[in-house]
Structures are given as structure tokens and as C-alpha cells.
C-alpha atoms as a PDB file:
ATOM      1  CA  MET A   1     149.758 188.919 -14.311  1.00  0.00           C
ATOM      2  CA  LYS A   2     153.040 187.153 -13.582  1.00  0.00           C
ATOM      3  CA  ARG A   3     153.688 183.535 -14.544  1.00  0.00           C
ATOM      4  CA  GLN A   4     153.390 182.122 -11.034  1.00  0.00           C
ATOM      5  CA  GLU A   5     150.254 184.121 -10.295  1.00  0.00           C
ATOM      6  CA  LEU A   6     148.662 182.665 -13.405  1.00  0.00           C
ATOM      7  CA  LEU A   7     149.715 179.098 -12.601  1.00  0.00           C
ATOM      8  CA  ASP A   8     148.438 179.499  -9.043  1.00  0.00           C
ATOM      9  CA  ARG A   9     144.929 180.092 -10.390  1.00  0.00           C
ATOM     10  CA  PHE A  10     144.892 176.454 -11.542  1.00  0.00           C
ATOM     11  CA  ASP A  11     146.411 175.034  -8.355  1.00  0.00           C
ATOM     12  CA  LEU A  12     144.206 172.701  -6.282  1.00  0.00           C
ATOM     13  CA  THR A  13     146.687 171.907  -3.517  1.00  0.00           C
ATOM     14  CA  ASP A  14     144.826 170.430  -0.515  1.00  0.00           C
ATOM     15  CA  ARG A  15     141.396 170.972  -2.085  1.00  0.00           C
ATOM     16  CA  VAL A  16     139.039 168.066  -1.465  1.00  0.00           C
ATOM     17  CA  VAL A  17     137.369 166.903  -4.660  1.00  0.00           C
ATOM     18  CA  ILE A  18     134.656 164.270  -5.133  1.00  0.00           C
ATOM     19  CA  VAL A  19     134.615 162.865  -8.674  1.00  0.00           C
ATOM     20  CA  THR A  20     131.652 160.631  -9.433  1.00  0.00           C
ATOM     21  CA  GLY A  21     132.095 158.068 -12.158  1.00  0.00           C
ATOM     22  CA  GLY A  22     135.765 158.535 -11.359  1.00  0.00           C
ATOM     23  CA  SER A  23     137.028 155.041 -12.124  1.00  0.00           C
ATOM     24  CA  ARG A  24     137.066 155.224 -15.927  1.00  0.00           C
ATOM     25  CA  GLY A  25     136.679 157.438 -18.957  1.00  0.00           C
ATOM     26  CA  ILE A  26     136.350 161.179 -18.446  1.00  0.00           C
ATOM     27  CA  GLY A  27     135.953 160.791 -14.685  1.00  0.00           C
ATOM     28  CA  ARG A  28     139.148 158.767 -14.351  1.00  0.00           C
ATOM     29  CA  ALA A  29     141.061 161.365 -16.365  1.00  0.00           C
ATOM     30  CA  ILE A  30     139.663 164.170 -14.194  1.00  0.00           C
ATOM     31  CA  ALA A  31     140.520 162.324 -10.986  1.00  0.00           C
ATOM     32  CA  GLU A  32     144.096 161.747 -12.114  1.00  0.00           C
ATOM     33  CA  GLY A  33     144.479 165.279 -13.438  1.00  0.00           C
ATOM     34  CA  PHE A  34     143.122 166.951 -10.312  1.00  0.00           C
ATOM     35  CA  ALA A  35     145.386 164.815  -8.118  1.00  0.00           C
ATOM     36  CA  ALA A  36     148.330 165.897 -10.273  1.00  0.00           C
ATOM     37  CA  VAL A  37     147.670 169.544  -9.362  1.00  0.00           C
ATOM     38  CA  GLY A  38     147.491 168.813  -5.651  1.00  0.00           C
ATOM     39  CA  ALA A  39     143.902 167.860  -4.864  1.00  0.00           C
ATOM     40  CA  ASN A  40     142.808 165.185  -2.431  1.00  0.00           C
ATOM     41  CA  VAL A  41     140.576 163.199  -4.770  1.00  0.00           C
ATOM     42  CA  VAL A  42     137.704 160.935  -3.782  1.00  0.00           C
ATOM     43  CA  VAL A  43     136.956 158.421  -6.526  1.00  0.00           C
ATOM     44  CA  ALA A  44     133.304 157.376  -6.469  1.00  0.00           C
ATOM     45  CA  SER A  45     131.988 154.720  -8.813  1.00  0.00           C
ATOM     46  CA  ARG A  46     129.747 151.673  -8.594  1.00  0.00           C
ATOM     47  CA  LYS A  47     132.425 148.966  -8.725  1.00  0.00           C
ATOM     48  CA  ALA A  48     134.802 148.776  -5.767  1.00  0.00           C
ATOM     49  CA  GLU A  49     137.580 147.104  -7.741  1.00  0.00           C
ATOM     50  CA  ALA A  50     137.547 149.841 -10.373  1.00  0.00           C
ATOM     51  CA  CYS A  51     137.656 152.568  -7.709  1.00  0.00           C
ATOM     52  CA  ASP A  52     140.550 150.858  -5.964  1.00  0.00           C
ATOM     53  CA  GLU A  53     142.476 150.496  -9.215  1.00  0.00           C
ATOM     54  CA  ALA A  54     142.044 154.188 -10.030  1.00  0.00           C
ATOM     55  CA  VAL A  55     143.205 155.164  -6.546  1.00  0.00           C
ATOM     56  CA  SER A  56     146.230 152.883  -6.839  1.00  0.00           C
ATOM     57  CA  ALA A  57     147.217 154.582 -10.099  1.00  0.00           C
ATOM     58  CA  ILE A  58     146.825 158.035  -8.551  1.00  0.00           C
ATOM     59  CA  THR A  59     148.869 157.206  -5.454  1.00  0.00           C
ATOM     60  CA  ALA A  60     151.548 155.493  -7.553  1.00  0.00           C
ATOM     61  CA  ALA A  61     151.915 158.761  -9.451  1.00  0.00           C
ATOM     62  CA  GLY A  62     152.393 160.656  -6.187  1.00  0.00           C
ATOM     63  CA  GLY A  63     148.826 161.862  -5.692  1.00  0.00           C
ATOM     64  CA  THR A  64     146.387 161.506  -2.812  1.00  0.00           C
ATOM     65  CA  ALA A  65     143.106 159.683  -3.327  1.00  0.00           C
ATOM     66  CA  LEU A  66     140.377 157.738  -1.560  1.00  0.00           C
ATOM     67  CA  SER A  67     138.161 155.007  -2.968  1.00  0.00           C
ATOM     68  CA  VAL A  68     134.476 155.192  -2.020  1.00  0.00           C
ATOM     69  CA  PRO A  69     132.376 152.736  -4.040  1.00  0.00           C
ATOM     70  CA  THR A  70     129.011 154.401  -4.593  1.00  0.00           C
ATOM     71  CA  HIS A  71     125.869 153.472  -6.498  1.00  0.00           C
ATOM     72  CA  MET A  72     124.650 156.890  -7.585  1.00  0.00           C
ATOM     73  CA  ALA A  73     121.024 155.760  -7.752  1.00  0.00           C
ATOM     74  CA  GLU A  74     121.027 154.971  -4.029  1.00  0.00           C
ATOM     75  CA  LEU A  75     120.470 158.189  -2.092  1.00  0.00           C
ATOM     76  CA  GLY A  76     121.763 156.717   1.169  1.00  0.00           C
ATOM     77  CA  GLN A  77     125.054 155.935  -0.510  1.00  0.00           C
ATOM     78  CA  LEU A  78     125.427 159.579  -1.530  1.00  0.00           C
ATOM     79  CA  GLU A  79     125.218 160.558   2.133  1.00  0.00           C
ATOM     80  CA  THR A  80     127.845 157.932   2.917  1.00  0.00           C
ATOM     81  CA  LEU A  81     130.085 159.252   0.152  1.00  0.00           C
ATOM     82  CA  VAL A  82     130.050 162.712   1.691  1.00  0.00           C
ATOM     83  CA  ALA A  83     130.515 161.374   5.223  1.00  0.00           C
ATOM     84  CA  ARG A  84     133.529 159.258   4.271  1.00  0.00           C
ATOM     85  CA  THR A  85     135.045 162.184   2.380  1.00  0.00           C
ATOM     86  CA  VAL A  86     134.698 164.460   5.393  1.00  0.00           C
ATOM     87  CA  ASP A  87     136.059 161.787   7.743  1.00  0.00           C
ATOM     88  CA  ALA A  88     139.147 161.419   5.561  1.00  0.00           C
ATOM     89  CA  TYR A  89     139.813 165.031   4.562  1.00  0.00           C
ATOM     90  CA  ASN A  90     137.765 167.217   6.937  1.00  0.00           C
ATOM     91  CA  GLY A  91     135.607 168.819   4.287  1.00  0.00           C
ATOM     92  CA  VAL A  92     134.470 169.071   0.672  1.00  0.00           C
ATOM     93  CA  ASP A  93     135.627 171.839  -1.652  1.00  0.00           C
ATOM     94  CA  ILE A  94     134.696 170.649  -5.145  1.00  0.00           C
ATOM     95  CA  ILE A  95     132.180 168.220  -6.604  1.00  0.00           C
ATOM     96  CA  VAL A  96     132.482 166.954 -10.161  1.00  0.00           C
ATOM     97  CA  ASN A  97     129.178 165.307 -11.073  1.00  0.00           C
ATOM     98  CA  ASN A  98     130.428 163.069 -13.858  1.00  0.00           C
ATOM     99  CA  ALA A  99     128.679 159.707 -13.325  1.00  0.00           C
ATOM    100  CA  ALA A 100     126.278 158.900 -16.148  1.00  0.00           C
ATOM    101  CA  ASN A 101     123.906 156.238 -17.375  1.00  0.00           C
ATOM    102  CA  ALA A 102     123.856 155.948 -21.167  1.00  0.00           C
ATOM    103  CA  LEU A 103     120.775 153.741 -21.398  1.00  0.00           C
ATOM    104  CA  ALA A 104     119.210 154.422 -24.811  1.00  0.00           C
ATOM    105  CA  LEU A 105     115.793 153.493 -26.156  1.00  0.00           C
ATOM    106  CA  PRO A 106     113.970 155.054 -29.108  1.00  0.00           C
ATOM    107  CA  ILE A 107     110.913 157.108 -28.257  1.00  0.00           C
ATOM    108  CA  GLY A 108     107.980 154.747 -28.557  1.00  0.00           C
ATOM    109  CA  SER A 109     109.677 151.971 -26.627  1.00  0.00           C
ATOM    110  CA  ILE A 110     110.778 153.832 -23.472  1.00  0.00           C
ATOM    111  CA  THR A 111     109.638 152.023 -20.343  1.00  0.00           C
ATOM    112  CA  PRO A 112     108.975 153.636 -16.953  1.00  0.00           C
ATOM    113  CA  GLU A 113     111.752 151.499 -15.496  1.00  0.00           C
ATOM    114  CA  ALA A 114     114.287 152.639 -18.111  1.00  0.00           C
ATOM    115  CA  TRP A 115     113.264 156.267 -17.659  1.00  0.00           C
ATOM    116  CA  GLN A 116     113.712 156.016 -13.900  1.00  0.00           C
ATOM    117  CA  LYS A 117     117.076 154.288 -14.210  1.00  0.00           C
ATOM    118  CA  SER A 118     118.355 156.972 -16.564  1.00  0.00           C
ATOM    119  CA  PHE A 119     117.158 159.957 -14.567  1.00  0.00           C
ATOM    120  CA  ASP A 120     118.208 158.536 -11.189  1.00  0.00           C
ATOM    121  CA  VAL A 121     121.864 158.628 -12.195  1.00  0.00           C
ATOM    122  CA  ASN A 122     121.981 161.430 -14.766  1.00  0.00           C
ATOM    123  CA  LEU A 123     119.868 163.987 -12.925  1.00  0.00           C
ATOM    124  CA  ARG A 124     118.729 163.024  -9.432  1.00  0.00           C
ATOM    125  CA  ALA A 125     122.151 161.943  -8.147  1.00  0.00           C
ATOM    126  CA  PRO A 126     123.930 165.254  -8.894  1.00  0.00           C
ATOM    127  CA  VAL A 127     121.216 167.212  -7.087  1.00  0.00           C
ATOM    128  CA  PHE A 128     121.152 165.056  -3.984  1.00  0.00           C
ATOM    129  CA  LEU A 129     124.934 164.750  -3.801  1.00  0.00           C
ATOM    130  CA  VAL A 130     125.274 168.522  -3.829  1.00  0.00           C
ATOM    131  CA  GLN A 131     122.555 168.788  -1.191  1.00  0.00           C
ATOM    132  CA  ALA A 132     124.355 166.253   1.005  1.00  0.00           C
ATOM    133  CA  ALA A 133     127.624 168.160   0.678  1.00  0.00           C
ATOM    134  CA  LEU A 134     126.114 171.643   0.915  1.00  0.00           C
ATOM    135  CA  PRO A 135     127.097 172.403   4.543  1.00  0.00           C
ATOM    136  CA  HIS A 136     130.690 171.524   3.709  1.00  0.00           C
ATOM    137  CA  LEU A 137     130.701 173.512   0.465  1.00  0.00           C
ATOM    138  CA  ARG A 138     129.387 176.504   2.408  1.00  0.00           C
ATOM    139  CA  ALA A 139     132.245 176.116   4.884  1.00  0.00           C
ATOM    140  CA  SER A 140     134.874 175.886   2.130  1.00  0.00           C
ATOM    141  CA  ALA A 141     137.068 178.819   1.159  1.00  0.00           C
ATOM    142  CA  HIS A 142     137.062 177.719  -2.490  1.00  0.00           C
ATOM    143  CA  PRO A 143     133.790 175.890  -3.225  1.00  0.00           C
ATOM    144  CA  ALA A 144     132.829 174.835  -6.734  1.00  0.00           C
ATOM    145  CA  VAL A 145     130.520 172.382  -8.466  1.00  0.00           C
ATOM    146  CA  VAL A 146     131.101 171.157 -12.007  1.00  0.00           C
ATOM    147  CA  ASN A 147     128.224 169.269 -13.598  1.00  0.00           C
ATOM    148  CA  ILE A 148     129.244 167.169 -16.586  1.00  0.00           C
ATOM    149  CA  SER A 149     126.442 167.546 -19.111  1.00  0.00           C
ATOM    150  CA  SER A 150     126.725 166.683 -22.797  1.00  0.00           C
ATOM    151  CA  ALA A 151     126.886 168.413 -26.144  1.00  0.00           C
ATOM    152  CA  GLY A 152     123.901 166.192 -26.920  1.00  0.00           C
ATOM    153  CA  ALA A 153     121.839 168.668 -24.928  1.00  0.00           C
ATOM    154  CA  PHE A 154     122.279 171.061 -27.868  1.00  0.00           C
ATOM    155  CA  THR A 155     121.439 168.586 -30.640  1.00  0.00           C
ATOM    156  CA  LYS A 156     118.399 166.614 -31.819  1.00  0.00           C
ATOM    157  CA  ALA A 157     119.771 163.654 -29.815  1.00  0.00           C
ATOM    158  CA  GLY A 158     117.925 160.998 -31.769  1.00  0.00           C
ATOM    159  CA  PHE A 159     117.686 157.617 -30.036  1.00  0.00           C
ATOM    160  CA  VAL A 160     119.338 158.939 -26.858  1.00  0.00           C
ATOM    161  CA  ALA A 161     116.397 161.047 -25.775  1.00  0.00           C
ATOM    162  CA  MET A 162     116.406 160.022 -22.103  1.00  0.00           C
ATOM    163  CA  TYR A 163     120.101 160.745 -21.696  1.00  0.00           C
ATOM    164  CA  ALA A 164     119.912 164.069 -23.523  1.00  0.00           C
ATOM    165  CA  ALA A 165     116.781 165.142 -21.648  1.00  0.00           C
ATOM    166  CA  ALA A 166     118.447 164.486 -18.291  1.00  0.00           C
ATOM    167  CA  LYS A 167     121.632 166.263 -19.352  1.00  0.00           C
ATOM    168  CA  THR A 168     119.575 169.220 -20.592  1.00  0.00           C
ATOM    169  CA  ALA A 169     117.774 169.391 -17.261  1.00  0.00           C
ATOM    170  CA  LEU A 170     121.159 169.300 -15.544  1.00  0.00           C
ATOM    171  CA  LEU A 171     122.042 172.529 -17.349  1.00  0.00           C
ATOM    172  CA  SER A 172     118.894 174.144 -15.994  1.00  0.00           C
ATOM    173  CA  LEU A 173     119.772 172.950 -12.504  1.00  0.00           C
ATOM    174  CA  THR A 174     123.285 174.321 -12.955  1.00  0.00           C
ATOM    175  CA  ARG A 175     121.827 177.774 -13.483  1.00  0.00           C
ATOM    176  CA  SER A 176     119.442 177.388 -10.532  1.00  0.00           C
ATOM    177  CA  MET A 177     122.202 176.170  -8.224  1.00  0.00           C
ATOM    178  CA  ALA A 178     124.432 179.038  -9.298  1.00  0.00           C
ATOM    179  CA  MET A 179     121.737 181.542  -8.438  1.00  0.00           C
ATOM    180  CA  GLU A 180     120.705 179.981  -5.137  1.00  0.00           C
ATOM    181  CA  PHE A 181     124.268 179.387  -3.910  1.00  0.00           C
ATOM    182  CA  ALA A 182     125.800 182.664  -5.074  1.00  0.00           C
ATOM    183  CA  GLY A 183     125.352 184.199  -1.642  1.00  0.00           C
ATOM    184  CA  ASP A 184     127.431 181.377  -0.171  1.00  0.00           C
ATOM    185  CA  GLY A 185     130.246 181.955  -2.639  1.00  0.00           C
ATOM    186  CA  ILE A 186     129.657 178.571  -4.292  1.00  0.00           C
ATOM    187  CA  ARG A 187     130.236 178.679  -8.039  1.00  0.00           C
ATOM    188  CA  VAL A 188     128.348 176.163 -10.178  1.00  0.00           C
ATOM    189  CA  ASN A 189     129.148 175.567 -13.834  1.00  0.00           C
ATOM    190  CA  ALA A 190     128.786 172.778 -16.373  1.00  0.00           C
ATOM    191  CA  LEU A 191     130.954 171.117 -18.986  1.00  0.00           C
ATOM    192  CA  ALA A 192     129.368 169.739 -22.159  1.00  0.00           C
ATOM    193  CA  PRO A 193     131.739 167.261 -23.841  1.00  0.00           C
ATOM    194  CA  GLY A 194     131.226 166.078 -27.372  1.00  0.00           C
ATOM    195  CA  THR A 195     132.308 162.674 -28.670  1.00  0.00           C
ATOM    196  CA  VAL A 196     134.972 161.320 -26.330  1.00  0.00           C
ATOM    197  CA  ASP A 197     136.758 157.991 -26.681  1.00  0.00           C
ATOM    198  CA  THR A 198     135.238 156.231 -23.651  1.00  0.00           C
ATOM    199  CA  ASP A 199     133.572 152.897 -22.994  1.00  0.00           C
ATOM    200  CA  MET A 200     130.204 154.649 -23.171  1.00  0.00           C
ATOM    201  CA  VAL A 201     130.884 155.894 -26.696  1.00  0.00           C
ATOM    202  CA  ARG A 202     132.527 152.659 -27.859  1.00  0.00           C
ATOM    203  CA  ASN A 203     129.426 150.748 -26.791  1.00  0.00           C
ATOM    204  CA  THR A 204     127.354 152.678 -29.332  1.00  0.00           C
ATOM    205  CA  GLY A 205     129.057 150.758 -32.155  1.00  0.00           C
ATOM    206  CA  PRO A 206     131.250 151.898 -35.057  1.00  0.00           C
ATOM    207  CA  ASP A 207     128.427 153.269 -37.200  1.00  0.00           C
ATOM    208  CA  MET A 208     127.162 155.582 -34.456  1.00  0.00           C
ATOM    209  CA  GLN A 209     130.699 156.673 -33.613  1.00  0.00           C
ATOM    210  CA  ALA A 210     131.388 157.498 -37.248  1.00  0.00           C
ATOM    211  CA  ALA A 211     128.168 159.500 -37.467  1.00  0.00           C
ATOM    212  CA  MET A 212     129.038 161.511 -34.362  1.00  0.00           C
ATOM    213  CA  VAL A 213     132.533 162.320 -35.621  1.00  0.00           C
ATOM    214  CA  ALA A 214     131.220 163.193 -39.084  1.00  0.00           C
ATOM    215  CA  GLY A 215     129.151 165.990 -37.589  1.00  0.00           C
ATOM    216  CA  GLN A 216     132.171 167.703 -36.002  1.00  0.00           C
ATOM    217  CA  LEU A 217     134.632 170.238 -37.358  1.00  0.00           C
ATOM    218  CA  ILE A 218     137.513 168.336 -35.752  1.00  0.00           C
ATOM    219  CA  PRO A 219     137.112 164.898 -37.373  1.00  0.00           C
ATOM    220  CA  ARG A 220     138.061 162.628 -34.483  1.00  0.00           C
ATOM    221  CA  MET A 221     136.953 161.592 -31.028  1.00  0.00           C
ATOM    222  CA  ALA A 222     138.472 163.476 -28.114  1.00  0.00           C
ATOM    223  CA  ARG A 223     140.735 161.723 -25.663  1.00  0.00           C
ATOM    224  CA  PRO A 224     139.390 161.670 -22.081  1.00  0.00           C
ATOM    225  CA  ASP A 225     142.377 163.722 -20.919  1.00  0.00           C
ATOM    226  CA  GLU A 226     141.298 166.546 -23.234  1.00  0.00           C
ATOM    227  CA  MET A 227     138.363 167.127 -20.885  1.00  0.00           C
ATOM    228  CA  VAL A 228     140.671 167.661 -17.895  1.00  0.00           C
ATOM    229  CA  PRO A 229     141.917 171.232 -18.597  1.00  0.00           C
ATOM    230  CA  PRO A 230     138.421 172.675 -19.157  1.00  0.00           C
ATOM    231  CA  THR A 231     137.107 170.928 -16.040  1.00  0.00           C
ATOM    232  CA  LEU A 232     140.079 172.213 -14.053  1.00  0.00           C
ATOM    233  CA  PHE A 233     139.332 175.710 -15.343  1.00  0.00           C
ATOM    234  CA  LEU A 234     135.754 175.497 -14.055  1.00  0.00           C
ATOM    235  CA  ALA A 235     136.745 174.027 -10.669  1.00  0.00           C
ATOM    236  CA  SER A 236     139.701 176.293  -9.931  1.00  0.00           C
ATOM    237  CA  GLU A 237     140.240 179.974  -9.291  1.00  0.00           C
ATOM    238  CA  ALA A 238     141.005 180.350 -12.992  1.00  0.00           C
ATOM    239  CA  SER A 239     137.240 180.787 -13.491  1.00  0.00           C
ATOM    240  CA  SER A 240     136.661 182.858 -10.344  1.00  0.00           C
ATOM    241  CA  PHE A 241     134.233 185.257 -12.113  1.00  0.00           C
ATOM    242  CA  MET A 242     132.198 182.538 -13.834  1.00  0.00           C
ATOM    243  CA  THR A 243     129.077 180.818 -12.533  1.00  0.00           C
ATOM    244  CA  GLY A 244     125.849 179.458 -13.989  1.00  0.00           C
ATOM    245  CA  HIS A 245     127.328 178.765 -17.417  1.00  0.00           C
ATOM    246  CA  VAL A 246     128.191 175.804 -19.601  1.00  0.00           C
ATOM    247  CA  LEU A 247     131.504 175.313 -21.369  1.00  0.00           C
ATOM    248  CA  ILE A 248     131.034 173.334 -24.598  1.00  0.00           C
ATOM    249  CA  VAL A 249     134.057 171.230 -25.618  1.00  0.00           C
ATOM    250  CA  ASP A 250     132.797 169.244 -28.597  1.00  0.00           C
ATOM    251  CA  GLY A 251     135.204 169.547 -31.505  1.00  0.00           C
ATOM    252  CA  GLY A 252     132.780 171.886 -33.264  1.00  0.00           C
ATOM    253  CA  LEU A 253     129.808 169.502 -33.164  1.00  0.00           C
ATOM    254  CA  THR A 254     127.296 172.166 -32.191  1.00  0.00           C
ATOM    255  CA  VAL A 255     128.700 175.045 -34.230  1.00  0.00           C
ATOM    256  CA  HIS A 256     126.021 176.497 -36.517  1.00  0.00           C
END
């Protein structure tokens, strides 16, 4: 394979990409990275100001982006997200289901309300967003879905049981989507990040952060931008023969 042929596999020029949770952390890095390789990026996140700021940064760097504030727990807003994307860019090629709710309660004190809040964002939203966009993904020449799970799905996940359970279920749904959409040419894969230096991780406190890093082979937190190349791999033609799988990028956390 020649150099340009190889680079072209990672090119997203004119692809339309929805990135949920795209205003900060891993999602923000993905949005900026995908725009840098030519994608039209739709930044979806709960706070309008944060979405607008992310879009401003992308456009200032020469990229193309649209801000669509979206509360992922509201199913009607998912439909609106898809509709506004299609109105702006005439389709949807890629969905990156990155938005997450890190609500944590120890087992024994989990409330029905907390459970619902966690699963609405971490599990229900990715399914219903893909369903809303499905006609457009089917019409795309290069359709792909990347579900951002967690390396926690492969650990004991003490004290973050709701989050880990939802992210584990998302892996199961990744496999089911891959099977059911294979006939439409839609590839569906997942990324499982380890400990990444984001607001979500910082909010766990220094002791928890130290414990997470201590369990890794690479003794540091990842930068959000280190999740961009593997996500790009899964969303682009670089992974054209891959579907239904999870790519674990965790600094060796889950190595046994």
C-alpha cells in the first residue's frame, strides 16, 4: 500500500459526524480531531454555551462544526439532533456515542431514580440515537457507529456499578447492532478507554485517581487526545473489515 492510499483510509473529508458529549473531555478531543481530518462535526452536549465554545474552537482552527445542545436523556431531543444534522449537512455518516453519566453509588444505596438517570444517558440514549439516525446511516456510503464504553466493563468496578453495568450492556448492544446492521453495510464497534484525564475522572478525587493509575502498566492518566486516533480508526475506512468488536485503550489496566 502506498503512503497516500494509507493516509486516505483515515480521511473523513465531508463525512457527517455526530459526537455526543462533544463539548469537553474525550468527546471534545474527538470532535476537534475528526474536524481536523475533514469531517463536518455536530457537537451535541447538554449545555449550549459549552457546545458553542467547542464549535468556535473547531471553526477557528479551520474545521466545520455545528452546535446542537442536546439532553441525552430526552428522547425527543435525540430526534431533533438528527433532524438538525440532516438539515445542515444532508445526512449522517458516523455517530460517536460518547456522552456519559458518571453517577456513582455503592450497591446497597442505589435508588431507582439514580439507576434510571445513569442508564438513560449511558445506555438508552446511544440506542435511540442510532435508531433515529438509522435511515440516514443506511443511505450513507461510509456508515459507522462508535460506542464509547469503558475499560471498567472488564473490571470489578467497585462503587461504580451502575456506570460499569450500563457500559457493559453497551458492548452487548454493539455486537447486536453490528449483526443486525451488517446487511446495510453499517459497521458498529466500541472503544473502551481506561483512566483519562477528564472532568469525570478528576471528580472522583485524588485517592481514586491514584488507585486507578496504580492498576495500570503505563503509570499515568491518558490525555483525551490519546483517544482520538483509536476512535478515528474505528470510524474510518482504516477499520473497513472490523465490526462488532471493542478496542481497549487502557494503559494496560485490564491486562492479566
